[in-house]
Amino acid sequence: MRERAAVDAKPIGRVAMQAELFVTDEVVTRRGITWVALAGEPGEHTQGWIDAEELRRWFPAAPPSGIADDELWIDVELEQQTLAVMLGDTPLFVTMIASGNHKHPTPQGVFRIQTKMAISDMDSQPGDEEAYAVEGVPWAQFFHKRYGLHGTFWHNRFGRRTSHGCVNLSARDAALVYAMTTPDPLPGWAMAFAHADDPGSVVRVRKLDAPVVDRRAP
């Protein structure tokens, strides 16, 4: 964190990795670097300035069509690598993710969770360029083919595009999201499938305000 919006400005503090910050709308670009003003105490202009590349900001967007005011759904934003659990248009929980990398992008669109598994094994398919096999992946929620939300214990690169296409969360965050969404597993069961009486929660994957295709099953 720097005193002014400049690389040669006096450092005035350090921000812990993945700490929660509040920022103002003030943004300055100098010498190709964009700086964001951190919110200070009431009555203060700013607390300091930080390189926008070191921040991940949550930018809200209008809910997908058909979302009720009391409906819980998931909003994944790829540009800033964030996930929000929403109730109608109100955020209940916001965190960072690690989505698919540039070689294996996470598909965009509006989906529904199809399958939930408390523990899942994940591996590459024949013909894939990169082979991998991970056992005991926690809190998996699949919304489109082999793509899903799940906990991750093998990296801590949240806020960066890292995965083979899935939306990676910390194990703690993944458990929280898993407990909030539908379909609901029966007591004592470690798996649940969406059906007409218990449809899966809506998951939207977007880049900022860019339009996405509605891929929810009729």
Protein backbone atom coordinates (compact mmCIF):
# COMPACT_ATOMS: atom_id res chain seq x y z
CA MET A 1 0.00 0.00 0.00
CA ARG A 2 1.41 3.40 -1.00
CA GLU A 3 0.85 6.97 0.09
CA ARG A 4 0.13 8.16 -3.45
CA ALA A 5 -0.90 6.51 -6.72
CA ALA A 6 2.66 6.06 -8.00
CA VAL A 7 5.33 3.35 -7.98
CA ASP A 8 7.82 5.74 -6.38
CA ALA A 9 5.41 6.79 -3.63
CA LYS A 10 6.23 6.03 -0.03
CA PRO A 11 5.08 2.57 1.15
CA ILE A 12 2.77 3.04 4.14
CA GLY A 13 1.83 -0.51 4.94
CA ARG A 14 1.31 -4.09 3.83
CA VAL A 15 -1.97 -5.86 3.22
CA ALA A 16 -2.21 -9.50 4.22
CA MET A 17 -2.84 -11.99 1.42
CA GLN A 18 -6.58 -12.52 0.82
CA ALA A 19 -7.53 -9.88 3.38
CA GLU A 20 -10.90 -8.18 2.95
CA LEU A 21 -10.62 -4.54 1.85
CA PHE A 22 -13.04 -1.72 1.18
CA VAL A 23 -12.24 0.58 -1.73
CA THR A 24 -13.57 3.87 -3.04
CA ASP A 25 -14.62 4.62 -6.62
CA GLU A 26 -11.42 6.62 -7.14
CA VAL A 27 -9.15 5.02 -9.74
CA VAL A 28 -5.97 6.54 -11.22
CA THR A 29 -3.83 5.22 -14.08
CA ARG A 30 -0.20 6.34 -14.29
CA ARG A 31 2.60 4.88 -16.42
CA GLY A 32 0.44 1.92 -17.36
CA ILE A 33 -0.43 1.00 -13.77
CA THR A 34 -3.96 1.39 -12.44
CA TRP A 35 -4.26 2.33 -8.79
CA VAL A 36 -7.30 1.93 -6.56
CA ALA A 37 -7.92 4.05 -3.47
CA LEU A 38 -8.55 2.13 -0.25
CA ALA A 39 -11.34 3.49 1.92
CA GLY A 40 -10.08 5.24 5.05
CA GLU A 41 -11.70 6.04 8.36
CA PRO A 42 -14.83 8.24 8.30
CA GLY A 43 -13.81 11.75 7.36
CA GLU A 44 -10.55 10.65 5.73
CA HIS A 45 -10.07 10.87 1.97
CA THR A 46 -8.26 7.57 1.48
CA GLN A 47 -6.26 5.12 3.54
CA GLY A 48 -3.77 4.60 0.72
CA TRP A 49 -3.39 3.31 -2.82
CA ILE A 50 -2.86 -0.20 -4.12
CA ASP A 51 -2.07 -1.63 -7.56
CA ALA A 52 -5.33 -2.89 -9.11
CA GLU A 53 -3.51 -6.03 -10.29
CA GLU A 54 -3.13 -7.00 -6.64
CA LEU A 55 -6.86 -6.67 -5.94
CA ARG A 56 -9.86 -8.79 -6.81
CA ARG A 57 -13.09 -6.81 -6.72
CA TRP A 58 -16.64 -8.10 -6.75
CA PHE A 59 -18.78 -6.35 -9.34
CA PRO A 60 -22.52 -7.11 -9.02
CA ALA A 61 -24.79 -7.62 -12.02
CA ALA A 62 -28.54 -8.01 -12.42
CA PRO A 63 -29.79 -11.56 -11.69
CA PRO A 64 -30.62 -13.93 -14.57
CA SER A 65 -34.20 -13.99 -15.79
CA GLY A 66 -36.67 -15.82 -13.60
CA ILE A 67 -34.76 -15.47 -10.33
CA ALA A 68 -37.19 -14.85 -7.46
CA ASP A 69 -36.48 -12.31 -4.71
CA ASP A 70 -36.10 -15.14 -2.18
CA GLU A 71 -34.21 -17.55 -4.47
CA LEU A 72 -30.66 -18.56 -3.62
CA TRP A 73 -28.28 -18.79 -6.57
CA ILE A 74 -24.56 -18.63 -7.39
CA ASP A 75 -22.86 -15.85 -9.38
CA VAL A 76 -19.36 -16.61 -10.70
CA GLU A 77 -17.44 -13.70 -12.26
CA LEU A 78 -14.35 -14.73 -14.23
CA GLU A 79 -12.65 -11.40 -14.90
CA GLN A 80 -12.05 -10.68 -11.21
CA GLN A 81 -12.20 -14.35 -10.12
CA THR A 82 -15.01 -14.03 -7.60
CA LEU A 83 -18.02 -16.07 -6.50
CA ALA A 84 -21.08 -14.70 -4.73
CA VAL A 85 -23.90 -16.59 -3.07
CA MET A 86 -26.95 -14.47 -3.83
CA LEU A 87 -30.48 -14.28 -2.44
CA GLY A 88 -32.39 -12.55 -5.20
CA ASP A 89 -30.23 -9.50 -5.81
CA THR A 90 -28.67 -9.48 -2.32
CA PRO A 91 -25.17 -10.93 -1.73
CA LEU A 92 -24.96 -13.31 1.23
CA PHE A 93 -21.34 -14.41 0.80
CA VAL A 94 -18.52 -13.34 -1.54
CA THR A 95 -15.14 -15.01 -1.98
CA MET A 96 -12.32 -15.58 -4.45
CA ILE A 97 -12.05 -18.52 -6.82
CA ALA A 98 -9.57 -20.06 -9.22
CA SER A 99 -11.35 -20.77 -12.50
CA GLY A 100 -10.14 -22.54 -15.61
CA ASN A 101 -6.89 -21.28 -17.10
CA HIS A 102 -6.61 -19.77 -20.57
CA LYS A 103 -6.01 -23.22 -22.06
CA HIS A 104 -8.97 -24.79 -20.24
CA PRO A 105 -11.54 -22.00 -19.75
CA THR A 106 -14.57 -22.37 -17.53
CA PRO A 107 -17.72 -22.36 -19.70
CA GLN A 108 -19.88 -19.26 -19.41
CA GLY A 109 -23.65 -19.29 -19.21
CA VAL A 110 -26.58 -19.78 -16.87
CA PHE A 111 -26.78 -23.35 -15.56
CA ARG A 112 -28.30 -25.40 -12.74
CA ILE A 113 -26.46 -27.65 -10.33
CA GLN A 114 -27.10 -31.22 -11.49
CA THR A 115 -25.13 -33.31 -9.00
CA LYS A 116 -23.63 -32.73 -5.56
CA MET A 117 -20.98 -35.02 -4.08
CA ALA A 118 -19.39 -34.56 -0.67
CA ILE A 119 -16.29 -36.38 -1.96
CA SER A 120 -15.37 -36.91 -5.61
CA ASP A 121 -12.43 -38.33 -7.55
CA MET A 122 -11.38 -36.29 -10.58
CA ASP A 123 -9.11 -37.33 -13.41
CA SER A 124 -8.30 -36.53 -16.99
CA GLN A 125 -9.92 -38.27 -19.93
CA PRO A 126 -8.21 -40.33 -22.67
CA GLY A 127 -6.83 -37.94 -25.25
CA ASP A 128 -6.44 -34.98 -22.89
CA GLU A 129 -3.17 -33.11 -23.36
CA GLU A 130 -2.46 -33.01 -19.63
CA ALA A 131 -2.97 -36.08 -17.45
CA TYR A 132 -4.11 -35.65 -13.85
CA ALA A 133 -5.81 -37.67 -11.13
CA VAL A 134 -6.96 -36.27 -7.79
CA GLU A 135 -8.77 -38.35 -5.17
CA GLY A 136 -10.99 -37.10 -2.38
CA VAL A 137 -11.93 -33.74 -3.88
CA PRO A 138 -14.32 -32.17 -1.34
CA TRP A 139 -17.72 -30.55 -1.81
CA ALA A 140 -18.15 -30.97 -5.58
CA GLN A 141 -21.19 -29.49 -7.34
CA PHE A 142 -21.41 -30.19 -11.07
CA PHE A 143 -23.39 -27.77 -13.21
CA HIS A 144 -22.34 -28.58 -16.81
CA LYS A 145 -20.90 -31.89 -17.99
CA ARG A 146 -17.65 -32.35 -16.01
CA TYR A 147 -17.51 -28.72 -14.88
CA GLY A 148 -18.35 -27.86 -11.31
CA LEU A 149 -17.60 -25.98 -8.13
CA HIS A 150 -15.39 -27.81 -5.64
CA GLY A 151 -12.97 -27.46 -2.78
CA THR A 152 -9.24 -27.47 -3.43
CA PHE A 153 -6.39 -28.60 -1.19
CA TRP A 154 -3.52 -28.72 -3.71
CA HIS A 155 -3.06 -25.01 -4.37
CA ASN A 156 -3.76 -21.60 -2.87
CA ARG A 157 -3.93 -19.55 -6.07
CA PHE A 158 -7.37 -18.09 -5.49
CA GLY A 159 -7.85 -14.98 -7.56
CA ARG A 160 -5.90 -16.52 -10.48
CA ARG A 161 -7.03 -18.65 -13.43
CA THR A 162 -5.47 -21.96 -12.50
CA SER A 163 -7.74 -24.99 -12.97
CA HIS A 164 -8.56 -27.39 -15.80
CA GLY A 165 -11.98 -25.74 -16.10
CA CYS A 166 -13.72 -26.21 -12.76
CA VAL A 167 -14.34 -23.40 -10.30
CA ASN A 168 -11.89 -23.99 -7.44
CA LEU A 169 -12.71 -22.77 -3.93
CA SER A 170 -10.95 -23.18 -0.63
CA ALA A 171 -12.24 -26.26 1.19
CA ARG A 172 -13.92 -24.09 3.82
CA ASP A 173 -15.64 -21.88 1.26
CA ALA A 174 -16.70 -24.89 -0.81
CA ALA A 175 -18.29 -26.51 2.26
CA LEU A 176 -20.26 -23.35 3.00
CA VAL A 177 -21.53 -23.02 -0.56
CA TYR A 178 -22.36 -26.75 -0.71
CA ALA A 179 -24.50 -26.45 2.42
CA MET A 180 -26.49 -23.54 0.98
CA THR A 181 -27.39 -24.87 -2.47
CA THR A 182 -29.82 -27.45 -3.84
CA PRO A 183 -30.38 -30.32 -4.46
CA ASP A 184 -30.25 -31.27 -0.79
CA PRO A 185 -28.68 -34.64 0.04
CA LEU A 186 -30.81 -36.88 2.25
CA PRO A 187 -29.61 -37.17 5.87
CA GLY A 188 -26.54 -39.38 5.96
CA TRP A 189 -26.09 -39.33 2.18
CA ALA A 190 -22.97 -37.95 0.48
CA MET A 191 -24.55 -37.39 -2.94
CA ALA A 192 -27.64 -35.74 -4.40
CA PHE A 193 -29.10 -35.43 -7.90
CA ALA A 194 -31.38 -32.66 -9.12
CA HIS A 195 -34.94 -33.62 -10.03
CA ALA A 196 -38.30 -31.93 -10.63
CA ASP A 197 -39.16 -31.68 -6.93
CA ASP A 198 -35.69 -30.50 -5.92
CA PRO A 199 -34.10 -28.63 -8.83
CA GLY A 200 -30.51 -27.55 -8.55
CA SER A 201 -29.59 -23.99 -7.67
CA VAL A 202 -28.88 -21.66 -10.58
CA VAL A 203 -25.21 -21.00 -11.34
CA ARG A 204 -24.30 -18.10 -13.61
CA VAL A 205 -20.76 -17.88 -14.99
CA ARG A 206 -19.99 -14.49 -16.58
CA LYS A 207 -17.30 -11.95 -17.40
CA LEU A 208 -18.34 -8.62 -15.89
CA ASP A 209 -21.46 -7.43 -17.78
CA ALA A 210 -20.98 -9.48 -20.95
CA PRO A 211 -24.18 -11.36 -21.92
CA VAL A 212 -24.25 -15.13 -21.44
CA VAL A 213 -26.38 -17.94 -22.88
CA ASP A 214 -29.10 -19.46 -20.71
CA ARG A 215 -28.24 -23.17 -20.58
CA ARG A 216 -30.73 -24.20 -17.93
CA ALA A 217 -32.61 -27.35 -18.85
CA PRO A 218 -36.30 -26.70 -19.60
